[in-house]
Each structure stands twice: as structure tokens, then as C-alpha cells.
Amino acid sequence: MRPDQLGAKMRGVSSPALASSPIVTTALAALLASSSLPARVLPAVAGLAPETAIELGANAARLLEYQKPMAVASLLSGTTVLDDATADATAAQVREQVRAKRLAAEAERRAAKTAETQAKAEAKRAASERKAAEAAATELSQEEAAAQALVKREKAKAAQAAAAEAQAAAASAQKLAKEQAAKEVAATKQAASEAKAKASAEAKAKAAEEKAAKKAADEQAAKEAAAAKEAAAEAKARNAASAKAAAAEKAAAEKTAKEQAAKE
């Protein structure tokens, strides 16, 4: 499944719903298997069962190349879902960076190998010249042989020095290539660590916001309940006062009627 297809499934889905969906969980595993994402860039997916997370991590650990890290990490973070265009653009950018680094490393390795081959050829040619000089010296006169042998030996020494120089250059190029590869690995680990830290910070901030909103809602509900209770008490008191006043008026009217009847 491509990142844009998974993004279409995941767009607008909350983290708990995402984690509890067997379809999306299966899609995540399929994406890991197709994207060659290493375990070091696999963030925790909120709500996944431990065995599911372990299985996803094991699948990722078996993959060798580093491809589409930011797009996949964002899709798996449980906090942010990339839209199709952003996911595809990020994946293309990372693929281009990885391709450029791989081409540069290959060029350096080829240059080192060429230098080493040239050094070996130079050494072989020097040895051949030395043998030829020694063979020719036996056929010449003693003086001529001595003079020519001296010249040949000097040339051989110069050739050996050149070969040693070429070998040193090849060794230096190989060392440089190894150092560059180590730097790239360290940069990859640092980027993965920063992405994980950022996702964790965003998740904590979101949880804090939700907690604050819930607290405010609870306080508002408590205030409204207290106000309703107070209003009910006031209404009850007013009703009691009205009933008492009505009873007093009735008693006064009855008393007046009795007094009037007694007078009559």
C-alpha cells in the first residue's frame, strides 16, 4: 500500500480509532513491509497492543534501506496525518537525498578502486622493468652493465615510490568514504530521534490541552448546578411564604366573619 493510499484511509481518524481499527493496523504493517523503514524510526502508535507493536518493530528491523522516513513516521505517530501531496513530496525529497548520497559514495569507492588498480599496475610495471634491467645487465660489459643497472635501479625506486604514493592515496580515499558513511548514519539516527521527540512533545501538549478543557467544563457544570440548586431553594421559599400569607389572610377573614356574626 502506498503512503497516499494509507493517508486516504487515515485522514480524519482519531488516534484511538486508528489504533483499534484492524484494517488500518494491517495497512500499517503492509506499509512497513513495502517502505523498507528501519526500526529506529518507528514511533509508538497510541493504543496499539504490545504484541502488535513488537510485530511491527520486528518487520521493520528486517529491512535494510532507509526510504520514506518522514512520511511513514508522521503516519505512524498517532498525532499528525499527512495529506497525500505532503506525504508524496516528503517521500520524493528523501528518496532524492538518499539517491544523491548513494551516488556520491559509489563515486568515491570507484575512485579509490581506480587509484588502487593504478598503483598495482605501476608496481607491476616497475618490477617488470627491474627484471628487464637485470637481464640486460648480464649481456653488457661490466661497466656498461653497472651504469645501466644503476639507472634502472633509480627508475625502479622512483616507480616504487610512485606506487606507494598511489596506494596511500587509495587508502586515504577509502578512509574518507568510511567516515562519510558513518556521518550519514549518525545524521539519520539524529533525525529519527528528533522526529520521535517532536511527536512525543506534541502528544503531551495535546493531552494537557484536553485535560484543561475537561477541567474547565467540569467547573462550569458545577457552577450551573449550584445556581440551579439555589434558584430552586429560592422558589421553594417564595412558595412557602405565599402559602403562609394566604393562610394568614384566610384566618383573618374567618376571624372577622365570626366577630361580625357575633355582633349581629
Foldseek 3Di string as FASTA:
>chain_A
DDLQVLLVVCPPPALQRCQPDPVSLVVLLVCLLPFLDALLLQAARPPHDPVSNVVSNVSNNVGDDHFLSVQSSQCRLRQHRDHNVVSVVSRVVVVVVVVVLVVVLVVLLVVLVVLLVVLVVLLVVLVVLLVVLVVVLVVDDVVVSVVSNVVSVVVSVVSNVVSVVSNVVSVVSVVVSVVVVVVVVVVVSVVSVVSNVVSVVSVVVVVVVVVVVVVVVVVVVVVVVVVVVVVVVVVVVVVVVVVVVVVVVVVVVVVVVVVVVVVD
